[in-house]
N, C-alpha and C. Protein backbone atom coordinates (compact mmCIF):
# COMPACT_ATOMS: atom_id res chain seq x y z
N MET A 1 98.07 93.02 74.71
CA MET A 1 98.59 91.80 75.65
C MET A 1 98.21 90.44 74.89
N GLU A 2 96.94 90.41 74.28
CA GLU A 2 96.51 89.25 73.45
C GLU A 2 97.60 88.80 72.35
N ALA A 3 97.96 89.97 71.66
CA ALA A 3 98.82 89.81 70.63
C ALA A 3 100.18 89.22 71.20
N CYS A 4 100.72 89.45 72.28
CA CYS A 4 101.92 88.98 72.78
C CYS A 4 101.64 87.63 73.11
N ILE A 5 100.69 87.13 73.57
CA ILE A 5 100.44 85.91 73.97
C ILE A 5 100.36 85.04 72.72
N LEU A 6 99.60 85.43 71.67
CA LEU A 6 99.50 84.79 70.49
C LEU A 6 101.06 84.58 69.69
N ARG A 7 101.84 85.47 69.72
CA ARG A 7 103.11 85.44 69.14
C ARG A 7 104.16 84.65 70.14
N ASN A 8 103.74 84.36 71.22
CA ASN A 8 104.57 83.57 72.15
C ASN A 8 103.75 82.20 72.52
N PRO A 9 103.67 81.19 71.71
CA PRO A 9 102.83 80.17 71.93
C PRO A 9 103.12 79.41 73.36
N SER A 10 104.56 79.51 73.83
CA SER A 10 104.95 78.77 75.03
C SER A 10 104.26 79.45 76.36
N ALA A 11 104.11 80.89 76.02
CA ALA A 11 103.46 81.59 77.20
C ALA A 11 101.79 81.28 77.39
N PHE A 12 101.39 81.14 76.07
CA PHE A 12 100.05 80.54 76.10
C PHE A 12 99.83 79.26 76.69
N HIS A 13 100.67 78.24 76.41
CA HIS A 13 100.67 76.83 76.99
C HIS A 13 100.74 77.11 78.57
N VAL A 14 101.55 77.88 78.97
CA VAL A 14 101.88 77.92 80.61
C VAL A 14 100.76 78.45 81.18
N LEU A 15 100.12 79.47 80.47
CA LEU A 15 98.76 80.10 81.06
C LEU A 15 97.77 79.02 81.17
N SER A 16 97.67 78.15 79.88
CA SER A 16 96.65 77.12 79.83
C SER A 16 96.80 76.16 80.93
N SER A 17 98.01 75.99 80.97
CA SER A 17 98.16 74.67 82.07
C SER A 17 97.87 75.13 83.48
N LEU A 18 98.26 76.44 83.81
CA LEU A 18 97.93 76.93 85.16
C LEU A 18 96.47 77.09 85.29
N PHE A 19 95.68 77.65 84.38
CA PHE A 19 94.27 77.65 84.54
C PHE A 19 93.68 76.22 84.78
N PHE A 20 93.99 75.23 84.10
CA PHE A 20 93.64 73.69 84.35
C PHE A 20 93.99 73.39 85.52
N THR A 21 95.26 73.72 85.97
CA THR A 21 95.80 73.13 87.28
C THR A 21 94.94 73.64 88.54
N LEU A 22 94.32 75.08 88.20
CA LEU A 22 93.70 75.62 89.22
C LEU A 22 92.15 75.01 89.30
N LEU A 23 91.67 74.65 88.12
CA LEU A 23 90.45 74.20 88.07
C LEU A 23 90.27 72.78 88.66
N LEU A 24 91.46 71.86 88.35
CA LEU A 24 91.64 70.58 89.00
C LEU A 24 91.79 70.67 90.44
N PHE A 25 92.52 71.63 90.94
CA PHE A 25 92.84 71.99 92.34
C PHE A 25 91.47 72.10 93.07
N ASN A 26 90.59 73.05 92.38
CA ASN A 26 89.42 73.53 93.01
C ASN A 26 88.27 72.21 93.30
N SER A 27 88.54 71.43 91.96
CA SER A 27 87.55 70.31 91.84
C SER A 27 87.67 69.33 93.00
N ILE A 28 89.17 68.93 93.16
CA ILE A 28 89.64 68.14 94.23
C ILE A 28 89.21 68.52 95.73
N THR A 29 89.45 69.91 95.84
CA THR A 29 89.04 70.31 97.27
C THR A 29 87.59 70.17 97.35
N LEU A 30 86.74 70.61 96.52
CA LEU A 30 85.41 70.65 96.59
C LEU A 30 84.96 69.10 96.77
N THR A 31 85.47 68.07 96.13
CA THR A 31 85.17 66.94 96.20
C THR A 31 85.59 66.26 97.55
N SER A 32 86.82 66.61 98.08
CA SER A 32 87.22 66.22 99.31
C SER A 32 86.35 66.72 100.41
N SER A 33 85.97 67.77 100.35
CA SER A 33 85.07 68.68 101.27
C SER A 33 83.68 67.68 101.50
N ALA A 34 83.18 67.34 100.17
CA ALA A 34 81.97 66.86 100.13
C ALA A 34 82.08 65.43 100.69
N ASN A 35 83.10 64.90 100.57
CA ASN A 35 83.38 63.39 100.88
C ASN A 35 83.51 63.28 102.59
N THR A 36 84.14 64.53 103.06
CA THR A 36 84.36 64.59 104.41
C THR A 36 83.09 64.65 105.33
N SER A 37 82.38 65.57 104.61
CA SER A 37 80.77 65.96 104.91
C SER A 37 79.92 64.64 104.78
N THR A 38 80.00 63.83 103.90
CA THR A 38 79.22 62.63 103.80
C THR A 38 79.57 61.42 104.86
N THR A 39 81.15 61.50 104.98
CA THR A 39 81.70 60.50 105.96
C THR A 39 81.10 61.08 107.34
N SER A 40 81.19 62.20 107.87
CA SER A 40 80.82 62.79 109.20
C SER A 40 79.27 62.41 109.26
N LEU A 41 78.46 62.53 108.28
CA LEU A 41 77.11 62.34 108.54
C LEU A 41 76.82 60.81 108.70
N THR A 42 77.69 60.04 107.96
CA THR A 42 77.51 58.56 108.02
C THR A 42 77.89 58.11 109.49
N ILE A 43 78.99 58.52 110.08
CA ILE A 43 79.36 58.22 111.39
C ILE A 43 78.41 58.79 112.39
N SER A 44 77.88 59.88 112.30
CA SER A 44 76.79 60.37 113.05
C SER A 44 75.53 59.44 113.11
N LYS A 45 74.94 59.07 111.99
CA LYS A 45 73.96 58.13 111.80
C LYS A 45 74.08 56.83 112.46
N GLN A 46 75.30 56.37 112.13
CA GLN A 46 75.65 55.13 112.87
C GLN A 46 75.70 55.13 114.53
N PHE A 47 76.12 56.27 115.00
CA PHE A 47 76.14 56.49 116.21
C PHE A 47 74.82 56.42 116.85
N ILE A 48 73.98 57.30 116.37
CA ILE A 48 72.59 57.28 116.77
C ILE A 48 71.98 56.13 116.70
N LYS A 49 72.10 55.28 115.54
CA LYS A 49 71.66 53.90 115.52
C LYS A 49 72.03 52.95 116.64
N THR A 50 73.33 53.13 116.99
CA THR A 50 74.02 52.45 117.93
C THR A 50 73.27 52.58 119.48
N SER A 51 73.18 54.02 119.67
CA SER A 51 72.45 54.56 120.78
C SER A 51 70.91 54.01 121.00
N CYS A 52 70.41 54.01 119.91
CA CYS A 52 68.89 53.81 119.94
C CYS A 52 68.92 52.16 120.03
N ASN A 53 69.94 51.45 119.78
CA ASN A 53 69.65 50.13 120.25
C ASN A 53 69.40 49.83 121.77
N SER A 54 69.78 50.77 122.53
CA SER A 54 69.69 50.61 123.99
C SER A 54 68.37 51.13 124.60
N THR A 55 67.50 51.54 123.52
CA THR A 55 65.98 51.99 124.20
C THR A 55 65.20 50.84 123.70
N THR A 56 63.99 51.31 124.29
CA THR A 56 62.93 50.14 124.40
C THR A 56 62.44 49.79 122.89
N TYR A 57 62.39 51.11 122.19
CA TYR A 57 61.81 51.07 120.70
C TYR A 57 62.76 51.58 119.65
N PRO A 58 63.94 50.70 119.46
CA PRO A 58 65.00 51.05 118.53
C PRO A 58 64.68 51.76 116.94
N ARG A 59 63.64 51.19 116.59
CA ARG A 59 63.30 51.62 115.13
C ARG A 59 62.70 52.91 115.21
N VAL A 60 61.75 53.04 116.25
CA VAL A 60 61.17 54.46 116.34
C VAL A 60 62.18 55.49 116.67
N CYS A 61 63.22 55.07 117.40
CA CYS A 61 64.18 55.93 117.89
C CYS A 61 65.10 56.54 116.80
N TYR A 62 65.51 55.40 116.03
CA TYR A 62 66.24 55.74 114.69
C TYR A 62 65.54 56.79 113.87
N LYS A 63 64.28 56.35 113.40
CA LYS A 63 63.67 56.99 112.58
C LYS A 63 62.94 58.57 112.98
N SER A 64 62.99 58.76 114.28
CA SER A 64 62.66 60.16 114.84
C SER A 64 63.77 60.83 114.88
N LEU A 65 64.98 60.20 115.11
CA LEU A 65 66.37 61.09 115.36
C LEU A 65 67.34 61.10 114.46
N SER A 66 67.11 60.28 113.33
CA SER A 66 68.40 60.10 112.37
C SER A 66 68.25 61.48 111.48
N SER A 67 67.34 62.19 111.40
CA SER A 67 67.37 63.44 110.53
C SER A 67 68.25 64.45 111.40
N TYR A 68 68.46 64.39 112.65
CA TYR A 68 69.23 65.38 113.27
C TYR A 68 70.65 65.06 113.33
N ALA A 69 71.18 64.05 112.46
CA ALA A 69 72.59 63.65 112.50
C ALA A 69 73.43 64.78 112.29
N SER A 70 73.27 65.78 111.69
CA SER A 70 74.24 66.73 111.41
C SER A 70 74.53 67.62 112.84
N LYS A 71 73.35 67.80 113.47
CA LYS A 71 73.38 68.36 114.61
C LYS A 71 73.87 67.78 115.86
N VAL A 72 73.64 66.04 115.92
CA VAL A 72 74.11 65.58 117.19
C VAL A 72 75.50 65.05 117.03
N LYS A 73 75.93 65.04 115.77
CA LYS A 73 77.24 64.55 115.56
C LYS A 73 77.52 63.16 116.22
N THR A 74 78.34 63.07 117.34
CA THR A 74 78.44 61.94 118.14
C THR A 74 78.45 62.17 119.66
N SER A 75 77.59 63.33 119.98
CA SER A 75 77.44 63.53 121.29
C SER A 75 76.36 63.01 121.88
N PRO A 76 76.46 62.17 123.12
CA PRO A 76 75.32 61.78 123.71
C PRO A 76 74.43 62.61 124.25
N LEU A 77 75.06 63.79 124.90
CA LEU A 77 74.19 64.92 125.40
C LEU A 77 73.14 65.43 124.40
N LYS A 78 73.99 65.80 123.40
CA LYS A 78 73.08 66.52 122.23
C LYS A 78 71.86 65.61 121.85
N LEU A 79 72.36 64.22 121.75
CA LEU A 79 71.20 63.35 121.04
C LEU A 79 70.12 63.24 122.18
N ALA A 80 70.46 63.15 123.39
CA ALA A 80 69.46 63.19 124.61
C ALA A 80 68.45 64.53 124.53
N ASN A 81 69.06 65.65 124.26
CA ASN A 81 68.77 66.81 124.23
C ASN A 81 67.55 67.02 122.84
N VAL A 82 68.00 66.31 121.87
CA VAL A 82 67.30 66.38 120.73
C VAL A 82 66.06 65.42 120.96
N ALA A 83 66.23 64.22 121.60
CA ALA A 83 65.36 63.42 121.90
C ALA A 83 64.30 63.91 122.50
N LEU A 84 64.55 64.70 123.38
CA LEU A 84 63.52 65.61 124.51
C LEU A 84 62.67 66.40 123.48
N THR A 85 63.58 67.16 122.65
CA THR A 85 62.72 68.13 121.72
C THR A 85 61.67 67.60 121.12
N VAL A 86 62.26 66.39 120.40
CA VAL A 86 61.13 65.74 119.46
C VAL A 86 59.91 65.33 120.28
N SER A 87 60.23 64.78 121.40
CA SER A 87 59.24 64.15 122.36
C SER A 87 58.08 65.22 122.71
N LEU A 88 58.66 66.54 122.73
CA LEU A 88 57.84 67.64 123.24
C LEU A 88 57.06 68.05 122.08
N LYS A 89 57.60 68.01 120.82
CA LYS A 89 57.24 68.38 119.62
C LYS A 89 55.84 67.34 119.09
N ALA A 90 56.23 65.92 119.47
CA ALA A 90 55.09 65.09 119.20
C ALA A 90 53.96 65.08 120.30
N ALA A 91 54.14 65.52 121.49
CA ALA A 91 53.26 65.77 122.40
C ALA A 91 52.25 66.81 122.02
N ARG A 92 52.90 67.95 121.47
CA ARG A 92 52.16 69.02 121.28
C ARG A 92 51.34 68.74 120.01
N ASN A 93 51.65 67.99 119.04
CA ASN A 93 50.90 67.54 117.74
C ASN A 93 49.73 66.71 118.09
N ALA A 94 50.24 65.69 119.14
CA ALA A 94 49.09 64.63 119.67
C ALA A 94 48.02 65.41 120.24
N SER A 95 48.44 66.54 121.21
CA SER A 95 47.45 67.34 121.96
C SER A 95 46.55 68.00 120.97
N SER A 96 47.09 68.86 120.07
CA SER A 96 46.20 69.30 119.20
C SER A 96 45.28 68.68 118.58
N THR A 97 45.95 67.54 118.02
CA THR A 97 44.98 66.60 117.31
C THR A 97 43.86 66.09 118.06
N ILE A 98 44.18 65.46 119.35
CA ILE A 98 43.16 65.03 120.40
C ILE A 98 42.25 66.23 120.45
N THR A 99 42.55 67.48 120.74
CA THR A 99 41.54 68.49 121.00
C THR A 99 40.61 68.56 119.93
N LEU A 100 40.96 68.56 118.73
CA LEU A 100 40.08 68.64 117.56
C LEU A 100 39.18 67.70 117.58
N LEU A 101 39.18 66.62 118.37
CA LEU A 101 38.31 65.64 118.55
C LEU A 101 37.03 65.99 119.12
N LEU A 102 37.09 67.09 119.94
CA LEU A 102 36.36 67.49 120.72
C LEU A 102 35.12 68.21 119.78
N GLU A 103 35.39 68.45 118.74
CA GLU A 103 34.54 69.17 117.71
C GLU A 103 33.91 68.16 117.02
N ARG A 104 33.85 66.84 117.20
CA ARG A 104 33.46 65.66 116.44
C ARG A 104 31.93 65.59 117.03
N LYS A 105 30.98 65.54 116.05
CA LYS A 105 29.59 65.43 116.38
C LYS A 105 29.20 63.95 116.72
N GLY A 106 27.92 63.94 117.76
CA GLY A 106 27.82 62.50 117.89
C GLY A 106 28.25 61.76 119.13
N MET A 107 29.37 62.56 119.82
CA MET A 107 29.92 62.00 120.79
C MET A 107 29.17 61.88 122.33
N THR A 108 29.13 60.98 123.00
CA THR A 108 28.43 61.00 124.07
C THR A 108 29.19 61.71 125.03
N ARG A 109 28.31 61.84 126.36
CA ARG A 109 29.00 62.73 127.44
C ARG A 109 30.26 62.11 128.00
N MET A 110 30.06 60.77 127.98
CA MET A 110 31.16 59.98 128.57
C MET A 110 32.67 60.08 127.67
N GLU A 111 32.25 60.00 126.40
CA GLU A 111 33.25 60.22 125.39
C GLU A 111 33.77 61.61 125.54
N THR A 112 33.11 62.82 125.57
CA THR A 112 33.62 63.82 125.60
C THR A 112 34.28 64.23 126.78
N SER A 113 33.98 63.70 127.96
CA SER A 113 34.58 63.81 129.25
C SER A 113 36.04 63.27 129.10
N ILE A 114 36.12 61.97 128.57
CA ILE A 114 37.17 61.31 128.59
C ILE A 114 38.49 61.94 127.59
N VAL A 115 37.96 62.65 126.68
CA VAL A 115 38.79 63.18 125.68
C VAL A 115 39.26 64.61 126.32
N LYS A 116 38.39 65.15 127.20
CA LYS A 116 38.91 66.33 127.83
C LYS A 116 39.88 65.93 128.81
N ASP A 117 39.70 64.83 129.63
CA ASP A 117 40.60 64.42 130.65
C ASP A 117 42.02 64.19 129.91
N CYS A 118 41.67 63.67 128.66
CA CYS A 118 43.01 63.26 127.85
C CYS A 118 44.01 64.53 127.40
N VAL A 119 43.05 65.58 127.05
CA VAL A 119 43.89 66.65 126.67
C VAL A 119 44.48 67.47 127.88
N GLU A 120 43.71 67.19 128.93
CA GLU A 120 44.52 67.88 130.17
C GLU A 120 45.76 67.11 130.62
N ASN A 121 45.60 65.78 130.41
CA ASN A 121 46.90 65.09 130.61
C ASN A 121 47.99 65.23 129.95
N PHE A 122 47.73 65.66 128.62
CA PHE A 122 48.85 66.06 127.67
C PHE A 122 49.43 67.48 127.88
N GLY A 123 48.43 68.28 128.58
CA GLY A 123 48.84 69.51 128.85
C GLY A 123 49.85 69.42 129.99
N ASP A 124 49.60 68.58 130.96
CA ASP A 124 50.81 68.31 131.99
C ASP A 124 51.92 67.81 131.42
N CYS A 125 51.76 66.97 130.61
CA CYS A 125 52.72 66.09 129.93
C CYS A 125 53.66 67.15 129.18
N ILE A 126 53.02 68.20 128.50
CA ILE A 126 53.69 69.21 127.68
C ILE A 126 54.72 69.93 128.73
N ASP A 127 54.02 70.44 129.77
CA ASP A 127 54.53 71.27 130.91
C ASP A 127 55.93 70.53 131.39
N GLU A 128 55.85 69.33 131.60
CA GLU A 128 56.81 68.55 132.43
C GLU A 128 57.87 68.38 131.30
N LEU A 129 57.62 68.07 130.00
CA LEU A 129 58.83 67.90 129.02
C LEU A 129 59.40 69.56 128.83
N GLN A 130 58.48 70.29 128.85
CA GLN A 130 59.15 71.75 128.86
C GLN A 130 60.29 72.04 129.98
N GLN A 131 59.76 71.69 131.15
CA GLN A 131 60.61 71.79 132.32
C GLN A 131 61.91 71.06 132.21
N SER A 132 61.76 69.94 131.82
CA SER A 132 63.09 68.98 131.42
C SER A 132 64.02 69.53 130.62
N LEU A 133 63.46 70.12 129.49
CA LEU A 133 64.25 70.81 128.34
C LEU A 133 65.05 72.15 128.99
N GLN A 134 64.32 72.76 129.59
CA GLN A 134 64.79 74.08 130.40
C GLN A 134 65.88 73.48 131.21
N GLU A 135 65.72 72.59 132.14
CA GLU A 135 66.76 72.19 132.96
C GLU A 135 68.06 71.74 132.08
N PHE A 136 67.86 71.01 130.96
CA PHE A 136 68.82 70.62 130.06
C PHE A 136 69.67 71.73 129.84
N LYS A 137 69.28 72.80 129.21
CA LYS A 137 70.00 73.95 128.79
C LYS A 137 70.68 74.36 129.99
N SER A 138 70.31 74.44 131.23
CA SER A 138 71.13 75.00 132.31
C SER A 138 72.03 73.76 132.90
N LEU A 139 72.29 72.74 132.24
CA LEU A 139 73.11 71.62 132.87
C LEU A 139 74.61 72.34 133.27
N GLY A 140 74.91 71.93 134.45
CA GLY A 140 76.11 72.41 134.93
C GLY A 140 76.13 73.75 135.34
N GLY A 141 77.07 74.54 134.94
CA GLY A 141 76.88 76.01 135.29
C GLY A 141 76.91 76.32 136.61
N GLY A 142 77.60 75.62 137.27
CA GLY A 142 77.89 75.83 138.84
C GLY A 142 76.71 75.09 139.85
N LYS A 143 75.88 74.48 138.99
CA LYS A 143 74.56 73.66 139.73
C LYS A 143 75.03 72.50 140.00
N ASN A 144 74.23 71.85 140.81
CA ASN A 144 74.50 70.33 141.00
C ASN A 144 73.96 69.56 140.03
N VAL A 145 74.70 68.98 139.15
CA VAL A 145 74.51 68.18 138.03
C VAL A 145 73.41 67.03 138.40
N ALA A 146 74.07 66.42 139.53
CA ALA A 146 73.16 65.16 139.99
C ALA A 146 71.89 65.54 140.25
N PHE A 147 71.75 66.59 140.89
CA PHE A 147 70.31 67.16 141.26
C PHE A 147 69.55 67.51 140.06
N GLN A 148 70.14 67.94 139.01
CA GLN A 148 69.58 68.45 137.73
C GLN A 148 69.03 67.19 136.89
N MET A 149 69.77 66.38 136.88
CA MET A 149 69.56 65.18 136.07
C MET A 149 68.38 64.32 136.67
N ALA A 150 68.40 64.22 138.01
CA ALA A 150 67.22 63.65 138.70
C ALA A 150 65.90 64.40 138.62
N ASN A 151 66.06 65.68 138.53
CA ASN A 151 64.78 66.58 138.07
C ASN A 151 64.44 65.99 136.91
N ILE A 152 65.41 66.06 135.88
CA ILE A 152 64.79 65.72 134.26
C ILE A 152 64.18 64.53 134.35
N LYS A 153 64.93 63.24 134.62
CA LYS A 153 64.49 62.04 134.87
C LYS A 153 62.96 62.01 135.33
N THR A 154 62.76 62.82 136.40
CA THR A 154 61.40 62.97 137.19
C THR A 154 60.39 63.35 136.11
N TRP A 155 60.72 64.37 135.63
CA TRP A 155 59.80 65.02 134.95
C TRP A 155 59.44 64.43 133.70
N VAL A 156 60.55 63.87 132.87
CA VAL A 156 60.16 62.76 131.79
C VAL A 156 59.24 61.69 131.98
N SER A 157 59.75 61.00 133.28
CA SER A 157 58.93 59.98 133.82
C SER A 157 57.58 60.27 133.99
N ALA A 158 57.13 61.22 134.63
CA ALA A 158 55.91 61.94 134.86
C ALA A 158 55.16 62.47 133.53
N ALA A 159 55.81 62.72 132.62
CA ALA A 159 55.14 63.12 131.01
C ALA A 159 54.78 61.83 130.46
N LEU A 160 55.55 60.60 130.91
CA LEU A 160 55.18 59.39 130.34
C LEU A 160 53.83 58.78 130.92
N THR A 161 54.06 59.13 132.30
CA THR A 161 52.81 58.53 133.13
C THR A 161 51.43 59.22 132.70
N ASP A 162 51.60 60.55 132.29
CA ASP A 162 50.42 61.26 131.96
C ASP A 162 50.04 60.84 130.51
N GLU A 163 50.90 60.53 129.52
CA GLU A 163 50.54 60.18 128.39
C GLU A 163 49.85 58.66 128.44
N TYR A 164 50.31 57.97 129.34
CA TYR A 164 49.42 56.48 129.43
C TYR A 164 48.33 56.68 130.51
N THR A 165 48.08 57.65 131.24
CA THR A 165 46.99 57.97 131.96
C THR A 165 45.90 58.17 131.00
N CYS A 166 46.16 59.11 129.96
CA CYS A 166 45.15 59.46 128.95
C CYS A 166 44.63 58.12 128.31
N SER A 167 45.34 57.14 128.14
CA SER A 167 44.75 55.80 127.47
C SER A 167 43.89 54.89 128.37
N ASP A 168 44.47 55.03 129.94
CA ASP A 168 43.82 54.31 130.79
C ASP A 168 42.52 54.74 131.11
N GLY A 169 42.16 56.11 130.51
CA GLY A 169 40.47 56.70 130.88
C GLY A 169 39.69 55.80 130.24
N PHE A 170 39.92 55.21 129.15
CA PHE A 170 38.94 54.30 128.25
C PHE A 170 38.83 52.93 128.97
N GLU A 171 39.58 52.52 129.72
CA GLU A 171 39.35 51.43 130.33
C GLU A 171 37.96 51.05 131.00
N GLY A 172 37.20 49.97 130.79
CA GLY A 172 35.78 49.95 131.41
C GLY A 172 34.93 50.92 131.13
N GLN A 173 35.31 51.75 130.12
CA GLN A 173 33.73 52.81 129.62
C GLN A 173 33.42 52.35 128.31
N LYS A 174 32.01 52.81 128.18
CA LYS A 174 31.67 52.56 127.02
C LYS A 174 31.93 53.74 126.03
N VAL A 175 32.85 53.42 125.20
CA VAL A 175 33.48 54.45 124.17
C VAL A 175 33.63 53.95 122.83
N SER A 176 33.09 54.59 121.91
CA SER A 176 33.12 54.33 120.39
C SER A 176 34.65 53.50 120.15
N SER A 177 34.63 52.43 119.59
CA SER A 177 35.99 51.60 119.23
C SER A 177 36.99 52.45 118.29
N SER A 178 36.25 53.19 117.41
CA SER A 178 37.14 53.78 116.59
C SER A 178 37.85 55.02 117.20
N LEU A 179 36.92 55.76 118.05
CA LEU A 179 37.65 56.90 118.81
C LEU A 179 38.69 56.21 119.75
N GLN A 180 38.36 55.41 120.51
CA GLN A 180 39.34 54.74 121.38
C GLN A 180 40.50 54.33 120.68
N GLN A 181 40.47 53.65 119.38
CA GLN A 181 41.79 53.27 118.75
C GLN A 181 42.47 54.59 118.13
N GLN A 182 41.53 55.44 117.58
CA GLN A 182 42.27 56.51 117.14
C GLN A 182 43.25 57.37 118.24
N ILE A 183 42.71 57.43 119.31
CA ILE A 183 43.32 58.18 120.44
C ILE A 183 44.61 57.41 120.87
N LYS A 184 44.40 56.18 121.13
CA LYS A 184 45.39 55.09 121.44
C LYS A 184 46.50 55.28 120.64
N ASN A 185 46.31 55.39 119.25
CA ASN A 185 47.65 55.35 118.22
C ASN A 185 48.20 56.61 118.29
N TYR A 186 47.72 57.80 118.75
CA TYR A 186 48.33 58.96 119.05
C TYR A 186 48.97 58.75 120.22
N ILE A 187 48.52 58.37 121.36
CA ILE A 187 49.24 58.01 122.53
C ILE A 187 50.37 57.16 122.55
N SER A 188 50.46 56.06 121.84
CA SER A 188 51.36 55.14 121.68
C SER A 188 52.52 55.77 120.71
N ASN A 189 52.36 56.41 119.75
CA ASN A 189 53.44 56.96 119.22
C ASN A 189 54.17 58.12 120.15
N VAL A 190 53.48 58.93 120.87
CA VAL A 190 54.18 59.87 121.50
C VAL A 190 55.07 59.16 122.86
N ALA A 191 54.18 58.29 123.25
CA ALA A 191 54.78 57.19 124.44
C ALA A 191 56.08 56.76 124.02
N LYS A 192 56.07 56.20 122.89
CA LYS A 192 57.44 55.44 122.56
C LYS A 192 58.49 56.45 122.48
N ILE A 193 58.20 57.44 121.93
CA ILE A 193 59.04 58.69 121.66
C ILE A 193 59.74 59.19 122.76
N THR A 194 58.94 59.38 123.92
CA THR A 194 59.17 59.85 125.21
C THR A 194 59.94 58.61 125.90
N SER A 195 59.63 57.41 125.84
CA SER A 195 60.26 56.52 126.50
C SER A 195 61.51 56.32 126.07
N ASN A 196 61.92 56.32 124.69
CA ASN A 196 63.17 56.50 124.17
C ASN A 196 63.95 57.44 124.59
N ALA A 197 63.34 58.65 124.71
CA ALA A 197 64.14 59.95 125.23
C ALA A 197 64.86 59.72 126.81
N LEU A 198 63.87 59.25 127.47
CA LEU A 198 64.11 58.63 129.00
C LEU A 198 65.14 57.70 129.06
N ALA A 199 65.11 56.81 128.00
CA ALA A 199 66.42 55.79 127.91
C ALA A 199 67.77 56.42 127.65
N LEU A 200 67.71 57.51 126.54
CA LEU A 200 68.92 58.04 126.42
C LEU A 200 69.42 58.85 127.50
N ILE A 201 68.53 59.44 128.27
CA ILE A 201 68.90 60.36 129.40
C ILE A 201 69.64 59.57 130.38
N ASN A 202 69.00 58.40 130.79
CA ASN A 202 69.40 57.50 131.89
C ASN A 202 70.73 56.82 131.54
N ASN A 203 70.99 56.76 130.17
CA ASN A 203 72.22 56.36 129.67
C ASN A 203 73.43 57.30 129.61
N LEU A 204 73.14 58.59 129.93
CA LEU A 204 74.25 59.50 130.06
C LEU A 204 75.17 59.16 131.21
N SER A 205 76.40 59.50 131.06
CA SER A 205 77.46 59.35 132.19
C SER A 205 77.81 60.84 132.35
N VAL A 206 78.52 60.83 133.47
CA VAL A 206 78.96 62.20 134.10
C VAL A 206 79.77 62.79 132.98
N THR A 207 80.64 62.08 132.14
CA THR A 207 81.60 62.28 131.27
C THR A 207 80.82 62.85 130.28
N ASP A 208 79.84 62.39 129.80
CA ASP A 208 78.92 62.94 128.63
C ASP A 208 78.28 64.21 128.69
N ILE A 209 78.15 64.53 130.04
CA ILE A 209 77.51 65.74 130.59
C ILE A 209 78.26 66.72 130.62
N LYS A 210 79.69 66.63 131.17
CA LYS A 210 80.74 67.58 131.29
C LYS A 210 81.49 67.71 129.83
N SER A 211 81.39 66.95 129.00
CA SER A 211 82.00 67.02 127.66
C SER A 211 81.60 68.03 126.81
């Protein structure tokens, strides 16, 4: 076969041209696919940024949610769901970190009591966020959507209240300023993320939920 091709230069050129054409086609296809993927991701991130502008803490919102662009795409419902998931994760992390503070030596009885109350508040907060996420998963499905959304909003609002209640426990008490500031920083971060999640949920329309 090789001898035949060598004795027939025109056949060799035809095969060479075909080979390079296939390579070029594959290259163009891969490039086109990559460009489409990049464009979709850019559109999704812009959608998240625009949606976050309606929240109380837009920068925190975009920073915490932009990495989920490929999952969210341009769906308000998926964005709200992801925001709740991120909020729950942040609450769990904060709860674990604050719990570790109980091992700190030299704390007064008052400080220990306040930290324990804070851990309890975050336990309630986590339960409420879990309930809201569970309800999110069953949205529609023959159920009263308005009633479900009301429940979700109530639970997320309650979670936000529990987060701030933890911070309020320090008011008027003799507590180490460093301990107080440390816990308040944790609370502030989680509260901002939860507040943003609630704002995105409040912005959902009936069309968003049914789509």
